[in-house]
Amino acid sequence: MRQTPLESFDAIRWIGERQPSLQRHLGPGSQPLLHFALMWNMFEGELCDSSASSAKLREVAVRLAERGLLAHPSAQAFRQFVEERYWDGEKVTERFAFLRLRSAAENVAVSGVLSGQIAESEGVIHALLLVVYRYRNNTFHGLKEVAEVLGSPELFDQGARFLGAALECA
């Protein structure tokens, strides 16, 4: 049956019908993922010239540090969220490995901020951008199961708020 242009595809319903075990994750609780996807699209398009990379995120971090991003309440909340999620007070948590940072340099950048060894604004912002970048890559490149993605609403909510703060400060 051919669809008319006005008919929309309901991916949430489609997933629920084919994978009933995911039903509990679907519905209003899945909105943070949509919000994150939209915010990432705006962030990458507006601040990364539509081409995010670790090096580009470093450049963006320099600009955002100059504009005081770390003073923004959503940036402060995201930093706290990241610290609580990936640092146990002495070392990185087990969850840290699931970020799947791509290089030793990225690992040092993020763990250095978590441990307090890196405290300058540019370094902190770069680390936070790397974390949110990994959320994007791990989610949209198939590195996480659908249940994991839908079971992480706070992660996507916090990430979206941080991206919004970055866009506001840019």
N, C-alpha and C. Protein backbone atom coordinates (compact mmCIF):
# COMPACT_ATOMS: atom_id res chain seq x y z
N MET A 1 0.84 -1.18 0.00
CA MET A 1 0.00 0.00 0.00
C MET A 1 0.88 1.25 0.00
N ARG A 2 0.61 2.12 -0.90
CA ARG A 2 1.39 3.35 -1.04
C ARG A 2 0.90 4.39 -0.03
N GLN A 3 1.84 5.07 0.61
CA GLN A 3 1.48 6.10 1.59
C GLN A 3 1.30 7.45 0.92
N THR A 4 0.40 8.22 1.47
CA THR A 4 0.27 9.60 1.01
C THR A 4 1.33 10.43 1.71
N PRO A 5 1.70 11.57 1.16
CA PRO A 5 2.74 12.40 1.77
C PRO A 5 2.44 12.82 3.21
N LEU A 6 1.16 12.87 3.59
CA LEU A 6 0.82 13.34 4.93
C LEU A 6 0.87 12.25 5.98
N GLU A 7 0.93 11.00 5.57
CA GLU A 7 1.02 9.92 6.54
C GLU A 7 2.42 9.92 7.14
N SER A 8 2.47 9.75 8.45
CA SER A 8 3.78 9.72 9.08
C SER A 8 4.08 8.33 9.62
N PHE A 9 5.32 8.03 9.67
CA PHE A 9 5.80 6.76 10.19
C PHE A 9 5.99 6.92 11.69
N ASP A 10 5.39 6.05 12.47
CA ASP A 10 5.51 6.09 13.92
C ASP A 10 6.55 5.06 14.35
N ALA A 11 7.79 5.51 14.44
CA ALA A 11 8.89 4.61 14.78
C ALA A 11 8.72 4.02 16.18
N ILE A 12 8.19 4.81 17.10
CA ILE A 12 7.99 4.33 18.47
C ILE A 12 7.02 3.15 18.47
N ARG A 13 5.91 3.27 17.77
CA ARG A 13 4.95 2.17 17.69
C ARG A 13 5.58 0.97 16.98
N TRP A 14 6.30 1.22 15.89
CA TRP A 14 6.93 0.15 15.12
C TRP A 14 7.90 -0.65 16.00
N ILE A 15 8.74 0.05 16.76
CA ILE A 15 9.70 -0.63 17.64
C ILE A 15 8.96 -1.43 18.71
N GLY A 16 7.95 -0.83 19.31
CA GLY A 16 7.17 -1.51 20.35
C GLY A 16 6.50 -2.77 19.86
N GLU A 17 6.02 -2.76 18.63
CA GLU A 17 5.37 -3.95 18.06
C GLU A 17 6.38 -5.06 17.78
N ARG A 18 7.57 -4.72 17.41
CA ARG A 18 8.57 -5.72 17.05
C ARG A 18 9.45 -6.16 18.21
N GLN A 19 9.57 -5.30 19.19
CA GLN A 19 10.38 -5.65 20.37
C GLN A 19 9.59 -5.28 21.63
N PRO A 20 8.61 -6.11 21.99
CA PRO A 20 7.75 -5.80 23.13
C PRO A 20 8.52 -5.53 24.43
N SER A 21 9.69 -6.10 24.58
CA SER A 21 10.47 -5.88 25.80
C SER A 21 10.88 -4.41 25.95
N LEU A 22 10.84 -3.65 24.86
CA LEU A 22 11.20 -2.24 24.92
C LEU A 22 10.01 -1.34 25.24
N GLN A 23 8.82 -1.92 25.30
CA GLN A 23 7.60 -1.13 25.49
C GLN A 23 7.70 -0.20 26.70
N ARG A 24 8.31 -0.66 27.78
CA ARG A 24 8.38 0.17 29.00
C ARG A 24 9.24 1.42 28.79
N HIS A 25 10.09 1.42 27.79
CA HIS A 25 10.96 2.57 27.53
C HIS A 25 10.35 3.57 26.54
N LEU A 26 9.27 3.17 25.91
CA LEU A 26 8.71 4.00 24.84
C LEU A 26 7.66 4.96 25.38
N GLY A 27 7.36 5.97 24.64
CA GLY A 27 6.37 6.96 25.04
C GLY A 27 7.04 8.25 25.48
N PRO A 28 6.38 9.01 26.36
CA PRO A 28 6.91 10.32 26.76
C PRO A 28 8.34 10.26 27.30
N GLY A 29 8.71 9.16 27.93
CA GLY A 29 10.06 9.02 28.48
C GLY A 29 11.15 8.98 27.44
N SER A 30 10.78 8.76 26.18
CA SER A 30 11.79 8.71 25.12
C SER A 30 12.05 10.09 24.52
N GLN A 31 11.36 11.11 24.99
CA GLN A 31 11.55 12.47 24.48
C GLN A 31 12.97 13.01 24.65
N PRO A 32 13.67 12.71 25.75
CA PRO A 32 15.03 13.25 25.88
C PRO A 32 15.95 12.86 24.72
N LEU A 33 15.78 11.68 24.17
CA LEU A 33 16.60 11.27 23.02
C LEU A 33 16.30 12.15 21.81
N LEU A 34 15.04 12.42 21.55
CA LEU A 34 14.67 13.31 20.45
C LEU A 34 15.25 14.70 20.69
N HIS A 35 15.11 15.20 21.89
CA HIS A 35 15.64 16.53 22.21
C HIS A 35 17.15 16.57 22.03
N PHE A 36 17.83 15.51 22.48
CA PHE A 36 19.28 15.45 22.32
C PHE A 36 19.65 15.45 20.84
N ALA A 37 18.95 14.66 20.04
CA ALA A 37 19.26 14.59 18.60
C ALA A 37 19.09 15.96 17.95
N LEU A 38 18.04 16.66 18.29
CA LEU A 38 17.81 17.98 17.72
C LEU A 38 18.87 18.98 18.18
N MET A 39 19.20 18.94 19.46
CA MET A 39 20.21 19.87 19.98
C MET A 39 21.58 19.56 19.39
N TRP A 40 21.90 18.27 19.24
CA TRP A 40 23.19 17.93 18.63
C TRP A 40 23.24 18.46 17.19
N ASN A 41 22.15 18.29 16.46
CA ASN A 41 22.11 18.76 15.08
C ASN A 41 22.40 20.26 15.02
N MET A 42 21.78 21.02 15.88
CA MET A 42 22.01 22.48 15.90
C MET A 42 23.44 22.79 16.32
N PHE A 43 23.92 22.12 17.36
CA PHE A 43 25.27 22.36 17.86
C PHE A 43 26.31 22.08 16.78
N GLU A 44 26.23 20.89 16.18
CA GLU A 44 27.23 20.53 15.17
C GLU A 44 27.14 21.45 13.96
N GLY A 45 25.93 21.78 13.55
CA GLY A 45 25.76 22.66 12.39
C GLY A 45 26.25 24.07 12.64
N GLU A 46 25.91 24.63 13.80
CA GLU A 46 26.23 26.02 14.08
C GLU A 46 27.64 26.24 14.63
N LEU A 47 28.12 25.34 15.47
CA LEU A 47 29.40 25.57 16.13
C LEU A 47 30.55 24.74 15.57
N CYS A 48 30.25 23.67 14.87
CA CYS A 48 31.31 22.78 14.37
C CYS A 48 31.38 22.76 12.85
N ASP A 49 30.74 23.72 12.21
CA ASP A 49 30.72 23.76 10.74
C ASP A 49 30.28 22.43 10.14
N SER A 50 29.32 21.79 10.79
CA SER A 50 28.75 20.51 10.34
C SER A 50 29.76 19.38 10.25
N SER A 51 30.81 19.46 11.07
CA SER A 51 31.86 18.43 11.02
C SER A 51 32.54 18.31 12.38
N ALA A 52 31.87 17.66 13.32
CA ALA A 52 32.43 17.52 14.66
C ALA A 52 33.58 16.52 14.67
N SER A 53 34.59 16.83 15.45
CA SER A 53 35.73 15.95 15.69
C SER A 53 36.35 16.41 17.00
N SER A 54 37.25 15.62 17.54
CA SER A 54 37.92 16.02 18.77
C SER A 54 38.65 17.35 18.59
N ALA A 55 39.32 17.50 17.47
CA ALA A 55 40.06 18.75 17.21
C ALA A 55 39.10 19.93 17.07
N LYS A 56 37.99 19.73 16.38
CA LYS A 56 37.00 20.81 16.23
C LYS A 56 36.40 21.16 17.58
N LEU A 57 36.14 20.14 18.41
CA LEU A 57 35.59 20.40 19.74
C LEU A 57 36.57 21.19 20.60
N ARG A 58 37.85 20.98 20.41
CA ARG A 58 38.86 21.76 21.13
C ARG A 58 38.75 23.23 20.72
N GLU A 59 38.61 23.50 19.43
CA GLU A 59 38.45 24.88 18.95
C GLU A 59 37.19 25.51 19.53
N VAL A 60 36.11 24.76 19.53
CA VAL A 60 34.84 25.26 20.07
C VAL A 60 35.00 25.54 21.57
N ALA A 61 35.71 24.67 22.27
CA ALA A 61 35.93 24.85 23.71
C ALA A 61 36.64 26.17 24.01
N VAL A 62 37.61 26.52 23.18
CA VAL A 62 38.33 27.78 23.37
C VAL A 62 37.35 28.95 23.28
N ARG A 63 36.52 28.95 22.25
CA ARG A 63 35.54 30.04 22.08
C ARG A 63 34.54 30.08 23.22
N LEU A 64 34.06 28.91 23.63
CA LEU A 64 33.05 28.88 24.69
C LEU A 64 33.65 29.26 26.05
N ALA A 65 34.91 28.95 26.26
CA ALA A 65 35.57 29.36 27.50
C ALA A 65 35.66 30.88 27.57
N GLU A 66 35.99 31.50 26.45
CA GLU A 66 36.07 32.96 26.39
C GLU A 66 34.72 33.61 26.67
N ARG A 67 33.66 32.89 26.39
CA ARG A 67 32.31 33.44 26.57
C ARG A 67 31.65 33.00 27.87
N GLY A 68 32.41 32.31 28.72
CA GLY A 68 31.93 31.99 30.06
C GLY A 68 30.94 30.85 30.17
N LEU A 69 31.04 29.85 29.31
CA LEU A 69 30.10 28.73 29.34
C LEU A 69 30.02 28.07 30.71
N LEU A 70 31.13 27.92 31.39
CA LEU A 70 31.11 27.18 32.66
C LEU A 70 30.29 27.86 33.74
N ALA A 71 29.98 29.13 33.57
CA ALA A 71 29.13 29.84 34.53
C ALA A 71 27.64 29.57 34.29
N HIS A 72 27.30 29.01 33.15
CA HIS A 72 25.90 28.74 32.81
C HIS A 72 25.39 27.60 33.71
N PRO A 73 24.21 27.76 34.31
CA PRO A 73 23.67 26.72 35.19
C PRO A 73 23.57 25.34 34.54
N SER A 74 23.21 25.27 33.27
CA SER A 74 23.11 23.95 32.61
C SER A 74 24.48 23.33 32.39
N ALA A 75 25.50 24.14 32.18
CA ALA A 75 26.87 23.62 32.06
C ALA A 75 27.35 23.12 33.41
N GLN A 76 27.03 23.84 34.46
CA GLN A 76 27.41 23.41 35.81
C GLN A 76 26.72 22.10 36.16
N ALA A 77 25.44 22.00 35.83
CA ALA A 77 24.69 20.77 36.11
C ALA A 77 25.24 19.59 35.32
N PHE A 78 25.60 19.82 34.06
CA PHE A 78 26.15 18.73 33.25
C PHE A 78 27.51 18.30 33.79
N ARG A 79 28.32 19.25 34.19
CA ARG A 79 29.63 18.90 34.77
C ARG A 79 29.44 18.04 36.01
N GLN A 80 28.51 18.42 36.87
CA GLN A 80 28.24 17.63 38.07
C GLN A 80 27.73 16.24 37.70
N PHE A 81 26.82 16.16 36.73
CA PHE A 81 26.29 14.89 36.26
C PHE A 81 27.42 13.98 35.78
N VAL A 82 28.32 14.52 34.96
CA VAL A 82 29.44 13.75 34.42
C VAL A 82 30.36 13.29 35.54
N GLU A 83 30.66 14.18 36.47
CA GLU A 83 31.54 13.81 37.59
C GLU A 83 30.92 12.70 38.43
N GLU A 84 29.64 12.80 38.73
CA GLU A 84 28.98 11.78 39.54
C GLU A 84 28.87 10.45 38.80
N ARG A 85 28.71 10.50 37.51
CA ARG A 85 28.53 9.30 36.70
C ARG A 85 29.85 8.56 36.45
N TYR A 86 30.93 9.32 36.27
CA TYR A 86 32.19 8.71 35.81
C TYR A 86 33.35 8.80 36.79
N TRP A 87 33.14 9.34 38.00
CA TRP A 87 34.23 9.47 38.97
C TRP A 87 33.71 9.06 40.34
N ASP A 88 34.42 8.16 41.02
CA ASP A 88 33.96 7.69 42.33
C ASP A 88 34.65 8.39 43.50
N GLY A 89 35.40 9.42 43.22
CA GLY A 89 36.12 10.15 44.26
C GLY A 89 37.61 9.83 44.28
N GLU A 90 37.95 8.68 43.69
CA GLU A 90 39.36 8.27 43.63
C GLU A 90 39.80 7.85 42.23
N LYS A 91 38.87 7.32 41.48
CA LYS A 91 39.20 6.82 40.14
C LYS A 91 37.95 6.84 39.27
N VAL A 92 38.16 6.60 37.97
CA VAL A 92 37.00 6.55 37.07
C VAL A 92 36.14 5.33 37.42
N THR A 93 34.85 5.45 37.16
CA THR A 93 33.92 4.36 37.43
C THR A 93 33.94 3.37 36.26
N GLU A 94 33.25 2.25 36.45
CA GLU A 94 33.14 1.26 35.38
C GLU A 94 32.44 1.85 34.16
N ARG A 95 31.52 2.77 34.38
CA ARG A 95 30.79 3.39 33.27
C ARG A 95 31.71 4.18 32.33
N PHE A 96 32.81 4.66 32.85
CA PHE A 96 33.73 5.48 32.06
C PHE A 96 34.15 4.74 30.78
N ALA A 97 34.43 3.45 30.90
CA ALA A 97 34.87 2.66 29.73
C ALA A 97 33.80 2.64 28.64
N PHE A 98 32.53 2.74 29.04
CA PHE A 98 31.44 2.68 28.07
C PHE A 98 31.28 3.97 27.27
N LEU A 99 32.03 5.00 27.63
CA LEU A 99 32.06 6.19 26.78
C LEU A 99 32.73 5.86 25.45
N ARG A 100 33.64 4.89 25.49
CA ARG A 100 34.38 4.47 24.30
C ARG A 100 35.15 5.64 23.68
N LEU A 101 35.88 6.34 24.53
CA LEU A 101 36.73 7.42 24.02
C LEU A 101 37.69 6.83 23.00
N ARG A 102 37.99 7.58 21.95
CA ARG A 102 38.70 7.04 20.79
C ARG A 102 40.21 7.07 20.85
N SER A 103 40.77 7.83 21.78
CA SER A 103 42.23 7.91 21.81
C SER A 103 42.70 8.09 23.25
N ALA A 104 43.98 7.84 23.44
CA ALA A 104 44.58 8.07 24.76
C ALA A 104 44.47 9.55 25.14
N ALA A 105 44.60 10.43 24.16
CA ALA A 105 44.51 11.87 24.44
C ALA A 105 43.11 12.24 24.94
N GLU A 106 42.07 11.67 24.33
CA GLU A 106 40.71 11.94 24.79
C GLU A 106 40.50 11.38 26.19
N ASN A 107 41.04 10.20 26.43
CA ASN A 107 40.93 9.57 27.74
C ASN A 107 41.57 10.45 28.81
N VAL A 108 42.76 10.96 28.52
CA VAL A 108 43.47 11.83 29.46
C VAL A 108 42.70 13.14 29.66
N ALA A 109 42.16 13.68 28.58
CA ALA A 109 41.41 14.94 28.67
C ALA A 109 40.22 14.81 29.61
N VAL A 110 39.46 13.74 29.47
CA VAL A 110 38.26 13.57 30.29
C VAL A 110 38.62 13.12 31.71
N SER A 111 39.48 12.12 31.84
CA SER A 111 39.83 11.66 33.18
C SER A 111 40.59 12.73 33.96
N GLY A 112 41.35 13.56 33.26
CA GLY A 112 42.06 14.66 33.91
C GLY A 112 41.11 15.66 34.53
N VAL A 113 40.02 15.95 33.87
CA VAL A 113 39.01 16.85 34.43
C VAL A 113 38.30 16.17 35.60
N LEU A 114 37.96 14.91 35.44
CA LEU A 114 37.28 14.19 36.51
C LEU A 114 38.11 14.14 37.79
N SER A 115 39.41 13.95 37.63
CA SER A 115 40.30 13.84 38.80
C SER A 115 40.70 15.19 39.36
N GLY A 116 40.41 16.26 38.63
CA GLY A 116 40.79 17.59 39.08
C GLY A 116 42.17 18.02 38.62
N GLN A 117 42.87 17.18 37.86
CA GLN A 117 44.19 17.53 37.35
C GLN A 117 44.12 18.59 36.26
N ILE A 118 43.00 18.64 35.56
CA ILE A 118 42.78 19.67 34.54
C ILE A 118 41.62 20.53 35.04
N ALA A 119 41.89 21.81 35.24
CA ALA A 119 40.86 22.68 35.81
C ALA A 119 40.61 23.95 35.00
N GLU A 120 41.47 24.23 34.00
CA GLU A 120 41.25 25.47 33.24
C GLU A 120 39.99 25.30 32.37
N SER A 121 39.30 26.40 32.15
CA SER A 121 38.00 26.38 31.47
C SER A 121 38.04 25.66 30.13
N GLU A 122 39.03 25.95 29.31
CA GLU A 122 39.11 25.31 27.99
C GLU A 122 39.17 23.80 28.11
N GLY A 123 39.99 23.31 29.02
CA GLY A 123 40.14 21.88 29.21
C GLY A 123 38.87 21.22 29.72
N VAL A 124 38.21 21.89 30.67
CA VAL A 124 36.96 21.35 31.22
C VAL A 124 35.88 21.30 30.13
N ILE A 125 35.74 22.39 29.40
CA ILE A 125 34.72 22.42 28.34
C ILE A 125 35.03 21.39 27.27
N HIS A 126 36.30 21.27 26.89
CA HIS A 126 36.66 20.26 25.89
C HIS A 126 36.28 18.87 26.38
N ALA A 127 36.56 18.56 27.63
CA ALA A 127 36.22 17.24 28.17
C ALA A 127 34.71 17.02 28.16
N LEU A 128 33.95 18.02 28.56
CA LEU A 128 32.49 17.88 28.55
C LEU A 128 31.96 17.72 27.13
N LEU A 129 32.54 18.44 26.20
CA LEU A 129 32.14 18.27 24.80
C LEU A 129 32.50 16.88 24.29
N LEU A 130 33.63 16.35 24.70
CA LEU A 130 34.00 14.99 24.30
C LEU A 130 32.99 13.97 24.84
N VAL A 131 32.55 14.17 26.07
CA VAL A 131 31.57 13.25 26.65
C VAL A 131 30.27 13.29 25.85
N VAL A 132 29.77 14.48 25.57
CA VAL A 132 28.51 14.58 24.83
C VAL A 132 28.69 14.08 23.39
N TYR A 133 29.86 14.26 22.84
CA TYR A 133 30.18 13.73 21.50
C TYR A 133 30.13 12.20 21.50
N ARG A 134 30.63 11.60 22.57
CA ARG A 134 30.57 10.14 22.67
C ARG A 134 29.13 9.68 22.85
N TYR A 135 28.31 10.44 23.57
CA TYR A 135 26.89 10.07 23.67
C TYR A 135 26.30 10.01 22.26
N ARG A 136 26.62 11.01 21.47
CA ARG A 136 26.11 11.07 20.10
C ARG A 136 26.62 9.89 19.27
N ASN A 137 27.92 9.66 19.30
CA ASN A 137 28.49 8.58 18.47
C ASN A 137 28.03 7.21 18.94
N ASN A 138 28.05 6.98 20.24
CA ASN A 138 27.65 5.67 20.75
C ASN A 138 26.19 5.37 20.45
N THR A 139 25.38 6.41 20.42
CA THR A 139 23.95 6.24 20.16
C THR A 139 23.65 6.08 18.68
N PHE A 140 24.18 6.97 17.87
CA PHE A 140 23.78 7.02 16.47
C PHE A 140 24.67 6.22 15.53
N HIS A 141 25.66 5.55 16.08
CA HIS A 141 26.50 4.68 15.25
C HIS A 141 26.32 3.22 15.64
N GLY A 142 25.24 2.93 16.37
CA GLY A 142 24.89 1.56 16.69
C GLY A 142 25.76 0.90 17.74
N LEU A 143 26.45 1.67 18.55
CA LEU A 143 27.31 1.09 19.58
C LEU A 143 26.55 0.75 20.85
N LYS A 144 25.29 1.15 20.92
CA LYS A 144 24.44 0.82 22.07
C LYS A 144 23.19 0.12 21.56
N GLU A 145 22.72 -0.83 22.35
CA GLU A 145 21.45 -1.49 22.04
C GLU A 145 20.32 -0.48 22.23
N VAL A 146 19.21 -0.70 21.56
CA VAL A 146 18.07 0.22 21.67
C VAL A 146 17.61 0.33 23.13
N ALA A 147 17.59 -0.76 23.86
CA ALA A 147 17.17 -0.72 25.27
C ALA A 147 18.10 0.17 26.09
N GLU A 148 19.40 0.11 25.82
CA GLU A 148 20.35 0.98 26.53
C GLU A 148 20.09 2.44 26.20
N VAL A 149 19.85 2.71 24.94
CA VAL A 149 19.61 4.09 24.50
C VAL A 149 18.35 4.63 25.18
N LEU A 150 17.27 3.88 25.09
CA LEU A 150 16.00 4.34 25.65
C LEU A 150 16.00 4.31 27.17
N GLY A 151 16.89 3.54 27.76
CA GLY A 151 16.97 3.46 29.22
C GLY A 151 17.87 4.51 29.84
N SER A 152 18.27 5.49 29.07
CA SER A 152 19.19 6.53 29.57
C SER A 152 18.61 7.94 29.41
N PRO A 153 17.37 8.18 29.85
CA PRO A 153 16.78 9.50 29.60
C PRO A 153 17.53 10.64 30.27
N GLU A 154 18.05 10.42 31.48
CA GLU A 154 18.75 11.51 32.17
C GLU A 154 20.02 11.90 31.42
N LEU A 155 20.72 10.92 30.89
CA LEU A 155 21.94 11.17 30.12
C LEU A 155 21.63 12.09 28.93
N PHE A 156 20.57 11.79 28.21
CA PHE A 156 20.23 12.60 27.04
C PHE A 156 19.65 13.96 27.43
N ASP A 157 18.90 13.99 28.52
CA ASP A 157 18.37 15.27 29.00
C ASP A 157 19.50 16.20 29.41
N GLN A 158 20.43 15.69 30.20
CA GLN A 158 21.56 16.51 30.64
C GLN A 158 22.42 16.94 29.45
N GLY A 159 22.65 16.01 28.52
CA GLY A 159 23.44 16.35 27.34
C GLY A 159 22.78 17.42 26.49
N ALA A 160 21.46 17.33 26.31
CA ALA A 160 20.73 18.33 25.52
C ALA A 160 20.78 19.69 26.19
N ARG A 161 20.64 19.72 27.50
CA ARG A 161 20.69 20.99 28.22
C ARG A 161 22.07 21.64 28.09
N PHE A 162 23.11 20.81 28.17
CA PHE A 162 24.47 21.32 28.01
C PHE A 162 24.68 21.89 26.61
N LEU A 163 24.20 21.19 25.61
CA LEU A 163 24.32 21.69 24.24
C LEU A 163 23.56 23.00 24.07
N GLY A 164 22.40 23.10 24.70
CA GLY A 164 21.65 24.35 24.66
C GLY A 164 22.44 25.49 25.29
N ALA A 165 23.10 25.21 26.41
CA ALA A 165 23.92 26.23 27.06
C ALA A 165 25.06 26.66 26.14
N ALA A 166 25.68 25.70 25.48
CA ALA A 166 26.78 26.02 24.56
C ALA A 166 26.28 26.92 23.43
N LEU A 167 25.12 26.59 22.88
CA LEU A 167 24.56 27.41 21.80
C LEU A 167 24.21 28.81 22.29
N GLU A 168 23.70 28.91 23.51
CA GLU A 168 23.38 30.23 24.06
C GLU A 168 24.62 31.09 24.26
N CYS A 169 25.72 30.45 24.62
CA CYS A 169 26.96 31.19 24.90
C CYS A 169 27.77 31.50 23.65
N ALA A 170 27.48 30.82 22.57
CA ALA A 170 28.28 30.97 21.35
C ALA A 170 28.14 32.35 20.73
